[in-house]
PDB file of N, CA and C in Angstrom:
ATOM      1  N   MET A   1     129.509-156.017  24.543  1.00  0.00           N
ATOM      2  CA  MET A   1     129.154-157.010  25.332  1.00  0.00           C
ATOM      3  C   MET A   1     127.927-156.560  26.633  1.00  0.00           C
ATOM      4  N   THR A   2     127.585-155.457  26.311  1.00  0.00           N
ATOM      5  CA  THR A   2     126.449-154.999  27.182  1.00  0.00           C
ATOM      6  C   THR A   2     125.033-155.464  26.778  1.00  0.00           C
ATOM      7  N   ASP A   3     125.172-156.118  25.732  1.00  0.00           N
ATOM      8  CA  ASP A   3     123.723-156.844  25.241  1.00  0.00           C
ATOM      9  C   ASP A   3     123.426-158.188  25.675  1.00  0.00           C
ATOM     10  N   GLN A   4     124.562-158.763  26.928  1.00  0.00           N
ATOM     11  CA  GLN A   4     124.242-159.712  27.252  1.00  0.00           C
ATOM     12  C   GLN A   4     122.471-160.067  28.075  1.00  0.00           C
ATOM     13  N   PRO A   5     121.912-161.177  28.286  1.00  0.00           N
ATOM     14  CA  PRO A   5     120.902-161.232  29.090  1.00  0.00           C
ATOM     15  C   PRO A   5     121.253-161.182  30.627  1.00  0.00           C
ATOM     16  N   ALA A   6     120.027-160.803  31.585  1.00  0.00           N
ATOM     17  CA  ALA A   6     120.514-160.421  32.951  1.00  0.00           C
ATOM     18  C   ALA A   6     120.591-162.032  33.381  1.00  0.00           C
ATOM     19  N   ALA A   7     121.410-162.393  34.217  1.00  0.00           N
ATOM     20  CA  ALA A   7     120.729-163.377  35.195  1.00  0.00           C
ATOM     21  C   ALA A   7     119.669-163.372  35.726  1.00  0.00           C
ATOM     22  N   LYS A   8     118.947-164.851  35.701  1.00  0.00           N
ATOM     23  CA  LYS A   8     117.704-165.098  36.403  1.00  0.00           C
ATOM     24  C   LYS A   8     118.334-165.421  37.714  1.00  0.00           C
ATOM     25  N   LYS A   9     117.445-164.692  38.657  1.00  0.00           N
ATOM     26  CA  LYS A   9     117.404-164.951  40.240  1.00  0.00           C
ATOM     27  C   LYS A   9     116.973-166.513  40.540  1.00  0.00           C
ATOM     28  N   ALA A  10     117.906-167.315  41.366  1.00  0.00           N
ATOM     29  CA  ALA A  10     117.637-168.430  41.672  1.00  0.00           C
ATOM     30  C   ALA A  10     116.682-168.358  42.586  1.00  0.00           C
ATOM     31  N   GLY A  11     115.580-169.113  42.820  1.00  0.00           N
ATOM     32  CA  GLY A  11     114.812-169.499  43.798  1.00  0.00           C
ATOM     33  C   GLY A  11     113.793-170.308  43.419  1.00  0.00           C
ATOM     34  N   PHE A  12     112.782-170.587  44.029  1.00  0.00           N
ATOM     35  CA  PHE A  12     111.770-171.461  44.017  1.00  0.00           C
ATOM     36  C   PHE A  12     109.980-170.336  43.687  1.00  0.00           C
ATOM     37  N   HIS A  13     109.522-171.216  42.908  1.00  0.00           N
ATOM     38  CA  HIS A  13     108.048-170.551  42.662  1.00  0.00           C
ATOM     39  C   HIS A  13     107.183-170.467  43.615  1.00  0.00           C
ATOM     40  N   PRO A  14     106.552-169.638  43.583  1.00  0.00           N
ATOM     41  CA  PRO A  14     105.964-169.045  44.987  1.00  0.00           C
ATOM     42  C   PRO A  14     104.854-170.111  45.017  1.00  0.00           C
ATOM     43  N   ALA A  15     104.352-170.997  44.013  1.00  0.00           N
ATOM     44  CA  ALA A  15     103.665-171.983  44.189  1.00  0.00           C
ATOM     45  C   ALA A  15     103.891-173.005  45.269  1.00  0.00           C
ATOM     46  N   ILE A  16     104.877-173.302  45.444  1.00  0.00           N
ATOM     47  CA  ILE A  16     105.640-174.331  46.184  1.00  0.00           C
ATOM     48  C   ILE A  16     105.605-173.712  47.402  1.00  0.00           C
ATOM     49  N   PHE A  17     105.648-172.655  48.069  1.00  0.00           N
ATOM     50  CA  PHE A  17     105.620-171.905  49.469  1.00  0.00           C
ATOM     51  C   PHE A  17     103.823-171.918  49.570  1.00  0.00           C
ATOM     52  N   TYR A  18     102.955-171.564  48.965  1.00  0.00           N
ATOM     53  CA  TYR A  18     101.542-171.602  49.483  1.00  0.00           C
ATOM     54  C   TYR A  18     100.982-172.706  49.091  1.00  0.00           C
ATOM     55  N   ILE A  19     101.691-173.830  48.211  1.00  0.00           N
ATOM     56  CA  ILE A  19     101.097-175.183  48.669  1.00  0.00           C
ATOM     57  C   ILE A  19     101.658-175.821  50.195  1.00  0.00           C
ATOM     58  N   ALA A  20     102.888-175.539  50.757  1.00  0.00           N
ATOM     59  CA  ALA A  20     103.401-176.068  51.599  1.00  0.00           C
ATOM     60  C   ALA A  20     102.657-175.128  52.935  1.00  0.00           C
ATOM     61  N   CYS A  21     102.544-174.221  52.791  1.00  0.00           N
ATOM     62  CA  CYS A  21     101.530-173.719  53.802  1.00  0.00           C
ATOM     63  C   CYS A  21      99.977-173.840  53.863  1.00  0.00           C
ATOM     64  N   ALA A  22      99.517-174.145  53.086  1.00  0.00           N
ATOM     65  CA  ALA A  22      98.324-174.831  52.848  1.00  0.00           C
ATOM     66  C   ALA A  22      98.155-176.320  53.408  1.00  0.00           C
ATOM     67  N   VAL A  23      99.074-176.976  52.890  1.00  0.00           N
ATOM     68  CA  VAL A  23      99.200-178.637  53.440  1.00  0.00           C
ATOM     69  C   VAL A  23      99.450-178.289  55.205  1.00  0.00           C
ATOM     70  N   LEU A  24     100.297-177.963  55.591  1.00  0.00           N
ATOM     71  CA  LEU A  24     100.781-177.708  57.142  1.00  0.00           C
ATOM     72  C   LEU A  24      99.630-177.199  57.837  1.00  0.00           C
ATOM     73  N   THR A  25      98.954-176.251  57.254  1.00  0.00           N
ATOM     74  CA  THR A  25      97.735-175.026  57.944  1.00  0.00           C
ATOM     75  C   THR A  25      96.801-176.388  57.810  1.00  0.00           C
ATOM     76  N   GLY A  26      96.332-177.192  56.705  1.00  0.00           N
ATOM     77  CA  GLY A  26      94.926-177.856  56.615  1.00  0.00           C
ATOM     78  C   GLY A  26      94.909-179.125  57.542  1.00  0.00           C
ATOM     79  N   ASN A  27      96.572-179.728  57.605  1.00  0.00           N
ATOM     80  CA  ASN A  27      96.503-180.696  58.220  1.00  0.00           C
ATOM     81  C   ASN A  27      96.433-180.530  59.322  1.00  0.00           C
ATOM     82  N   PHE A  28      96.816-179.337  60.108  1.00  0.00           N
ATOM     83  CA  PHE A  28      96.858-179.103  61.224  1.00  0.00           C
ATOM     84  C   PHE A  28      95.352-179.139  61.963  1.00  0.00           C
ATOM     85  N   LEU A  29      94.539-178.361  61.086  1.00  0.00           N
ATOM     86  CA  LEU A  29      93.406-178.159  61.383  1.00  0.00           C
ATOM     87  C   LEU A  29      92.340-179.360  61.542  1.00  0.00           C
ATOM     88  N   TRP A  30      92.939-180.436  60.474  1.00  0.00           N
ATOM     89  CA  TRP A  30      92.488-181.325  60.268  1.00  0.00           C
ATOM     90  C   TRP A  30      92.285-182.225  61.566  1.00  0.00           C
ATOM     91  N   ARG A  31      93.655-182.343  62.179  1.00  0.00           N
ATOM     92  CA  ARG A  31      93.964-183.244  63.028  1.00  0.00           C
ATOM     93  C   ARG A  31      93.262-182.587  64.576  1.00  0.00           C
ATOM     94  N   MET A  32      93.073-181.123  64.657  1.00  0.00           N
ATOM     95  CA  MET A  32      92.322-180.675  65.953  1.00  0.00           C
ATOM     96  C   MET A  32      90.997-180.864  65.683  1.00  0.00           C
ATOM     97  N   THR A  33      90.171-181.067  64.545  1.00  0.00           N
ATOM     98  CA  THR A  33      88.780-181.019  64.836  1.00  0.00           C
ATOM     99  C   THR A  33      88.310-182.336  64.355  1.00  0.00           C
ATOM    100  N   VAL A  34      88.783-183.480  63.812  1.00  0.00           N
ATOM    101  CA  VAL A  34      88.610-184.522  63.440  1.00  0.00           C
ATOM    102  C   VAL A  34      88.739-185.564  64.318  1.00  0.00           C
ATOM    103  N   THR A  35      88.237-186.419  65.058  1.00  0.00           N
ATOM    104  CA  THR A  35      88.284-187.468  65.998  1.00  0.00           C
ATOM    105  C   THR A  35      88.420-188.689  65.226  1.00  0.00           C
ATOM    106  N   ALA A  36      89.969-189.167  66.107  1.00  0.00           N
ATOM    107  CA  ALA A  36      90.304-190.699  65.447  1.00  0.00           C
ATOM    108  C   ALA A  36      89.430-191.708  66.190  1.00  0.00           C
ATOM    109  N   THR A  37      89.679-192.784  64.916  1.00  0.00           N
ATOM    110  CA  THR A  37      88.757-193.616  65.647  1.00  0.00           C
ATOM    111  C   THR A  37      89.611-195.191  65.843  1.00  0.00           C
ATOM    112  N   GLU A  38      91.003-195.208  65.296  1.00  0.00           N
ATOM    113  CA  GLU A  38      91.808-196.397  65.376  1.00  0.00           C
ATOM    114  C   GLU A  38      93.352-195.660  65.371  1.00  0.00           C
ATOM    115  N   TYR A  39      94.412-196.585  65.762  1.00  0.00           N
ATOM    116  CA  TYR A  39      95.592-196.205  66.180  1.00  0.00           C
ATOM    117  C   TYR A  39      96.101-196.795  64.617  1.00  0.00           C
ATOM    118  N   PRO A  40      96.907-196.113  64.072  1.00  0.00           N
ATOM    119  CA  PRO A  40      97.815-196.623  63.039  1.00  0.00           C
ATOM    120  C   PRO A  40      98.799-197.535  63.114  1.00  0.00           C
ATOM    121  N   MET A  41      99.317-198.095  62.359  1.00  0.00           N
ATOM    122  CA  MET A  41     100.514-199.031  62.687  1.00  0.00           C
ATOM    123  C   MET A  41     101.931-198.116  62.871  1.00  0.00           C
ATOM    124  N   ARG A  42     102.810-198.662  63.482  1.00  0.00           N
ATOM    125  CA  ARG A  42     103.817-197.863  63.915  1.00  0.00           C
ATOM    126  C   ARG A  42     104.630-197.210  62.793  1.00  0.00           C
ATOM    127  N   GLU A  43     104.550-197.512  61.560  1.00  0.00           N
ATOM    128  CA  GLU A  43     105.553-197.228  60.698  1.00  0.00           C
ATOM    129  C   GLU A  43     104.669-195.941  59.901  1.00  0.00           C
ATOM    130  N   VAL A  44     103.481-196.137  59.946  1.00  0.00           N
ATOM    131  CA  VAL A  44     102.697-194.840  59.654  1.00  0.00           C
ATOM    132  C   VAL A  44     102.650-193.712  60.463  1.00  0.00           C
ATOM    133  N   GLN A  45     102.953-193.787  61.709  1.00  0.00           N
ATOM    134  CA  GLN A  45     103.386-193.114  62.812  1.00  0.00           C
ATOM    135  C   GLN A  45     104.377-192.114  62.426  1.00  0.00           C
ATOM    136  N   VAL A  46     105.568-192.954  62.206  1.00  0.00           N
ATOM    137  CA  VAL A  46     106.653-192.478  62.109  1.00  0.00           C
ATOM    138  C   VAL A  46     106.715-192.029  61.131  1.00  0.00           C
ATOM    139  N   LEU A  47     106.052-192.203  59.904  1.00  0.00           N
ATOM    140  CA  LEU A  47     106.155-191.834  58.596  1.00  0.00           C
ATOM    141  C   LEU A  47     105.617-190.587  58.711  1.00  0.00           C
ATOM    142  N   GLU A  48     104.329-190.248  59.269  1.00  0.00           N
ATOM    143  CA  GLU A  48     103.610-189.028  59.426  1.00  0.00           C
ATOM    144  C   GLU A  48     104.636-187.954  59.885  1.00  0.00           C
ATOM    145  N   MET A  49     105.180-188.277  61.066  1.00  0.00           N
ATOM    146  CA  MET A  49     105.986-187.242  61.954  1.00  0.00           C
ATOM    147  C   MET A  49     107.124-186.931  60.948  1.00  0.00           C
ATOM    148  N   VAL A  50     107.620-187.950  60.029  1.00  0.00           N
ATOM    149  CA  VAL A  50     109.005-187.224  59.436  1.00  0.00           C
ATOM    150  C   VAL A  50     108.618-186.417  58.197  1.00  0.00           C
ATOM    151  N   ILE A  51     107.231-186.612  57.739  1.00  0.00           N
ATOM    152  CA  ILE A  51     106.432-186.046  56.812  1.00  0.00           C
ATOM    153  C   ILE A  51     106.693-184.351  57.154  1.00  0.00           C
ATOM    154  N   ASP A  52     105.895-184.389  58.341  1.00  0.00           N
ATOM    155  CA  ASP A  52     105.769-182.933  58.877  1.00  0.00           C
ATOM    156  C   ASP A  52     106.963-182.258  59.103  1.00  0.00           C
ATOM    157  N   ALA A  53     108.023-183.145  59.646  1.00  0.00           N
ATOM    158  CA  ALA A  53     109.389-182.407  59.932  1.00  0.00           C
ATOM    159  C   ALA A  53     109.969-182.052  58.568  1.00  0.00           C
ATOM    160  N   ALA A  54     110.030-182.584  57.302  1.00  0.00           N
ATOM    161  CA  ALA A  54     110.312-182.601  56.042  1.00  0.00           C
ATOM    162  C   ALA A  54     109.580-181.372  55.917  1.00  0.00           C
ATOM    163  N   MET A  55     108.017-181.099  56.039  1.00  0.00           N
ATOM    164  CA  MET A  55     107.404-179.799  55.679  1.00  0.00           C
ATOM    165  C   MET A  55     107.924-178.716  56.192  1.00  0.00           C
ATOM    166  N   ILE A  56     108.181-178.577  57.633  1.00  0.00           N
ATOM    167  CA  ILE A  56     108.723-177.915  58.244  1.00  0.00           C
ATOM    168  C   ILE A  56     109.882-177.119  57.507  1.00  0.00           C
ATOM    169  N   ALA A  57     110.808-177.991  57.600  1.00  0.00           N
ATOM    170  CA  ALA A  57     112.020-177.649  57.154  1.00  0.00           C
ATOM    171  C   ALA A  57     112.058-177.128  55.996  1.00  0.00           C
ATOM    172  N   GLY A  58     111.322-178.019  54.849  1.00  0.00           N
ATOM    173  CA  GLY A  58     111.214-177.209  53.461  1.00  0.00           C
ATOM    174  C   GLY A  58     110.549-175.881  53.484  1.00  0.00           C
ATOM    175  N   LEU A  59     109.742-175.514  54.296  1.00  0.00           N
ATOM    176  CA  LEU A  59     108.954-174.405  54.516  1.00  0.00           C
ATOM    177  C   LEU A  59     109.942-173.553  55.030  1.00  0.00           C
ATOM    178  N   ILE A  60     110.837-173.727  56.036  1.00  0.00           N
ATOM    179  CA  ILE A  60     111.926-172.687  56.597  1.00  0.00           C
ATOM    180  C   ILE A  60     112.982-172.606  55.357  1.00  0.00           C
ATOM    181  N   GLY A  61     113.360-173.426  54.428  1.00  0.00           N
ATOM    182  CA  GLY A  61     114.002-173.199  53.015  1.00  0.00           C
ATOM    183  C   GLY A  61     113.444-172.240  52.318  1.00  0.00           C
ATOM    184  N   ILE A  62     112.111-172.332  51.970  1.00  0.00           N
ATOM    185  CA  ILE A  62     111.845-171.297  51.080  1.00  0.00           C
ATOM    186  C   ILE A  62     111.186-170.073  51.336  1.00  0.00           C
ATOM    187  N   ARG A  63     111.390-169.793  52.851  1.00  0.00           N
ATOM    188  CA  ARG A  63     110.413-168.690  53.547  1.00  0.00           C
ATOM    189  C   ARG A  63     110.341-167.447  52.628  1.00  0.00           C
ATOM    190  N   LYS A  64     111.137-166.995  52.014  1.00  0.00           N
ATOM    191  CA  LYS A  64     111.404-165.960  51.166  1.00  0.00           C
ATOM    192  C   LYS A  64     110.812-165.808  50.191  1.00  0.00           C
ATOM    193  N   SER A  65     109.950-166.903  50.010  1.00  0.00           N
ATOM    194  CA  SER A  65     109.438-166.944  48.669  1.00  0.00           C
ATOM    195  C   SER A  65     107.623-166.333  49.011  1.00  0.00           C
ATOM    196  N   GLY A  66     107.401-166.089  49.740  1.00  0.00           N
ATOM    197  CA  GLY A  66     106.112-165.668  50.036  1.00  0.00           C
ATOM    198  C   GLY A  66     105.831-164.731  51.387  1.00  0.00           C
ATOM    199  N   PRO A  67     104.730-164.268  51.518  1.00  0.00           N
ATOM    200  CA  PRO A  67     104.429-163.593  52.763  1.00  0.00           C
ATOM    201  C   PRO A  67     104.451-163.950  53.840  1.00  0.00           C
ATOM    202  N   GLN A  68     105.358-163.004  54.923  1.00  0.00           N
ATOM    203  CA  GLN A  68     106.182-163.689  56.223  1.00  0.00           C
ATOM    204  C   GLN A  68     105.042-164.102  56.977  1.00  0.00           C
ATOM    205  N   ILE A  69     104.103-163.067  57.341  1.00  0.00           N
ATOM    206  CA  ILE A  69     103.082-163.774  58.028  1.00  0.00           C
ATOM    207  C   ILE A  69     102.447-164.927  57.634  1.00  0.00           C
ATOM    208  N   LEU A  70     102.207-165.330  56.541  1.00  0.00           N
ATOM    209  CA  LEU A  70     101.719-166.615  56.201  1.00  0.00           C
ATOM    210  C   LEU A  70     102.598-167.577  56.780  1.00  0.00           C
ATOM    211  N   PHE A  71     104.053-167.433  56.379  1.00  0.00           N
ATOM    212  CA  PHE A  71     105.370-168.343  56.804  1.00  0.00           C
ATOM    213  C   PHE A  71     105.076-168.436  58.173  1.00  0.00           C
ATOM    214  N   VAL A  72     105.020-167.435  59.046  1.00  0.00           N
ATOM    215  CA  VAL A  72     104.720-167.602  60.590  1.00  0.00           C
ATOM    216  C   VAL A  72     103.354-168.375  60.980  1.00  0.00           C
ATOM    217  N   ALA A  73     102.198-168.417  60.648  1.00  0.00           N
ATOM    218  CA  ALA A  73     101.306-169.090  60.623  1.00  0.00           C
ATOM    219  C   ALA A  73     101.312-170.683  60.405  1.00  0.00           C
ATOM    220  N   ALA A  74     101.737-171.072  59.218  1.00  0.00           N
ATOM    221  CA  ALA A  74     102.486-172.222  58.752  1.00  0.00           C
ATOM    222  C   ALA A  74     103.380-172.743  59.615  1.00  0.00           C
ATOM    223  N   LEU A  75     104.385-172.047  59.898  1.00  0.00           N
ATOM    224  CA  LEU A  75     105.209-172.690  60.807  1.00  0.00           C
ATOM    225  C   LEU A  75     104.474-173.003  62.251  1.00  0.00           C
ATOM    226  N   ILE A  76     103.784-172.075  62.791  1.00  0.00           N
ATOM    227  CA  ILE A  76     103.118-172.350  64.312  1.00  0.00           C
ATOM    228  C   ILE A  76     102.024-173.490  63.944  1.00  0.00           C
ATOM    229  N   CYS A  77     101.607-173.897  62.690  1.00  0.00           N
ATOM    230  CA  CYS A  77     100.606-174.986  62.604  1.00  0.00           C
ATOM    231  C   CYS A  77     101.277-176.093  62.647  1.00  0.00           C
ATOM    232  N   GLY A  78     102.690-175.963  61.743  1.00  0.00           N
ATOM    233  CA  GLY A  78     103.319-177.246  61.835  1.00  0.00           C
ATOM    234  C   GLY A  78     104.412-177.704  62.964  1.00  0.00           C
ATOM    235  N   ILE A  79     104.374-176.805  63.597  1.00  0.00           N
ATOM    236  CA  ILE A  79     105.040-177.120  65.528  1.00  0.00           C
ATOM    237  C   ILE A  79     104.117-177.598  66.104  1.00  0.00           C
ATOM    238  N   GLY A  80     102.662-177.278  65.780  1.00  0.00           N
ATOM    239  CA  GLY A  80     101.217-177.483  66.871  1.00  0.00           C
ATOM    240  C   GLY A  80     101.185-178.897  66.202  1.00  0.00           C
ATOM    241  N   LEU A  81     101.429-179.475  65.029  1.00  0.00           N
ATOM    242  CA  LEU A  81     101.221-180.643  64.636  1.00  0.00           C
ATOM    243  C   LEU A  81     102.161-181.603  65.812  1.00  0.00           C
ATOM    244  N   PHE A  82     103.257-181.246  65.668  1.00  0.00           N
ATOM    245  CA  PHE A  82     103.986-182.304  67.107  1.00  0.00           C
ATOM    246  C   PHE A  82     103.283-181.794  68.609  1.00  0.00           C
ATOM    247  N   ALA A  83     102.875-180.726  68.949  1.00  0.00           N
ATOM    248  CA  ALA A  83     102.474-180.528  70.030  1.00  0.00           C
ATOM    249  C   ALA A  83     101.239-180.904  70.470  1.00  0.00           C
ATOM    250  N   ILE A  84     100.211-181.487  69.622  1.00  0.00           N
ATOM    251  CA  ILE A  84      99.122-182.173  69.012  1.00  0.00           C
ATOM    252  C   ILE A  84      99.384-183.817  69.845  1.00  0.00           C
ATOM    253  N   ARG A  85     100.582-184.304  69.647  1.00  0.00           N
ATOM    254  CA  ARG A  85     101.227-185.618  69.927  1.00  0.00           C
ATOM    255  C   ARG A  85     101.516-185.517  71.284  1.00  0.00           C
ATOM    256  N   LEU A  86     101.919-184.210  71.900  1.00  0.00           N
ATOM    257  CA  LEU A  86     102.230-184.420  73.252  1.00  0.00           C
ATOM    258  C   LEU A  86     101.109-184.306  74.517  1.00  0.00           C
ATOM    259  N   HIS A  87      99.754-184.220  73.851  1.00  0.00           N
ATOM    260  CA  HIS A  87      98.501-184.151  74.495  1.00  0.00           C
ATOM    261  C   HIS A  87      98.086-185.230  75.488  1.00  0.00           C
ATOM    262  N   SER A  88      98.274-186.603  74.898  1.00  0.00           N
ATOM    263  CA  SER A  88      97.819-187.653  75.204  1.00  0.00           C
ATOM    264  C   SER A  88      98.532-188.666  74.615  1.00  0.00           C
ATOM    265  N   ASP A  89      98.462-190.277  75.452  1.00  0.00           N
ATOM    266  CA  ASP A  89      99.109-191.234  74.638  1.00  0.00           C
ATOM    267  C   ASP A  89      97.943-191.350  73.510  1.00  0.00           C
ATOM    268  N   ALA A  90      96.793-191.307  73.476  1.00  0.00           N
ATOM    269  CA  ALA A  90      96.493-191.720  72.302  1.00  0.00           C
ATOM    270  C   ALA A  90      96.448-190.796  71.120  1.00  0.00           C
ATOM    271  N   SER A  91      96.830-189.389  71.119  1.00  0.00           N
ATOM    272  CA  SER A  91      97.318-188.434  70.514  1.00  0.00           C
ATOM    273  C   SER A  91      98.796-188.435  70.179  1.00  0.00           C
ATOM    274  N   TRP A  92      99.567-189.056  70.822  1.00  0.00           N
ATOM    275  CA  TRP A  92     100.910-189.667  70.420  1.00  0.00           C
ATOM    276  C   TRP A  92     100.737-190.510  69.225  1.00  0.00           C
ATOM    277  N   TRP A  93      99.496-191.766  69.555  1.00  0.00           N
ATOM    278  CA  TRP A  93      99.498-192.775  68.187  1.00  0.00           C
ATOM    279  C   TRP A  93      99.178-191.822  67.226  1.00  0.00           C
ATOM    280  N   THR A  94      97.899-191.496  67.284  1.00  0.00           N
ATOM    281  CA  THR A  94      97.195-191.157  66.309  1.00  0.00           C
ATOM    282  C   THR A  94      97.405-189.528  65.471  1.00  0.00           C
ATOM    283  N   GLY A  95      98.114-188.795  66.440  1.00  0.00           N
ATOM    284  CA  GLY A  95      98.265-187.668  65.760  1.00  0.00           C
ATOM    285  C   GLY A  95      96.814-186.309  65.638  1.00  0.00           C
ATOM    286  N   HIS A  96      95.909-186.698  66.304  1.00  0.00           N
ATOM    287  CA  HIS A  96      94.500-186.292  66.325  1.00  0.00           C
ATOM    288  C   HIS A  96      94.590-185.763  67.852  1.00  0.00           C
ATOM    289  N   TRP A  97      93.907-184.883  68.240  1.00  0.00           N
ATOM    290  CA  TRP A  97      93.650-184.314  69.709  1.00  0.00           C
ATOM    291  C   TRP A  97      92.530-185.164  70.474  1.00  0.00           C
ATOM    292  N   HIS A  98      91.316-185.725  69.597  1.00  0.00           N
ATOM    293  CA  HIS A  98      90.328-186.215  69.847  1.00  0.00           C
ATOM    294  C   HIS A  98      90.435-187.657  69.704  1.00  0.00           C
ATOM    295  N   TYR A  99      90.165-188.920  70.686  1.00  0.00           N
ATOM    296  CA  TYR A  99      90.231-190.440  70.403  1.00  0.00           C
ATOM    297  C   TYR A  99      89.331-190.887  70.824  1.00  0.00           C
ATOM    298  N   ILE A 100      88.370-191.537  70.182  1.00  0.00           N
ATOM    299  CA  ILE A 100      87.109-192.517  70.686  1.00  0.00           C
ATOM    300  C   ILE A 100      87.119-193.809  69.994  1.00  0.00           C
ATOM    301  N   PHE A 101      87.121-194.738  71.032  1.00  0.00           N
ATOM    302  CA  PHE A 101      87.045-196.189  70.584  1.00  0.00           C
ATOM    303  C   PHE A 101      85.840-196.581  70.214  1.00  0.00           C
ATOM    304  N   ASP A 102      85.761-196.905  68.990  1.00  0.00           N
ATOM    305  CA  ASP A 102      84.840-197.277  67.968  1.00  0.00           C
ATOM    306  C   ASP A 102      84.460-198.936  68.092  1.00  0.00           C
ATOM    307  N   LYS A 103      83.331-199.186  69.084  1.00  0.00           N
ATOM    308  CA  LYS A 103      82.866-200.833  69.149  1.00  0.00           C
ATOM    309  C   LYS A 103      82.156-200.925  67.883  1.00  0.00           C
ATOM    310  N   ARG A 104      82.799-201.508  67.049  1.00  0.00           N
ATOM    311  CA  ARG A 104      81.837-202.166  65.910  1.00  0.00           C
ATOM    312  C   ARG A 104      81.981-203.464  65.608  1.00  0.00           C
TER     313      ARG A 104
END
């Protein structure tokens, strides 16, 4: 009975951790540097916030799958996505730090 296979460790593939970190960090950097030119529909705004919250919750759930410094950096960027929305009324709607009305 000693030749039974060892039980596999239940967990997530580390690639999921790295992808979640890259998406949160990239999204934060994009919203900080790119200027928004139009307001999205209300449904799009809410959906973006729900997806951001789900990414943060998922990252917290798989935090042991990768380096902790990367987890902390991505978590700060994820929280920063919501902090950007508190900057101004335009930031609340667009999710970007800067907004310019484009007259076309």
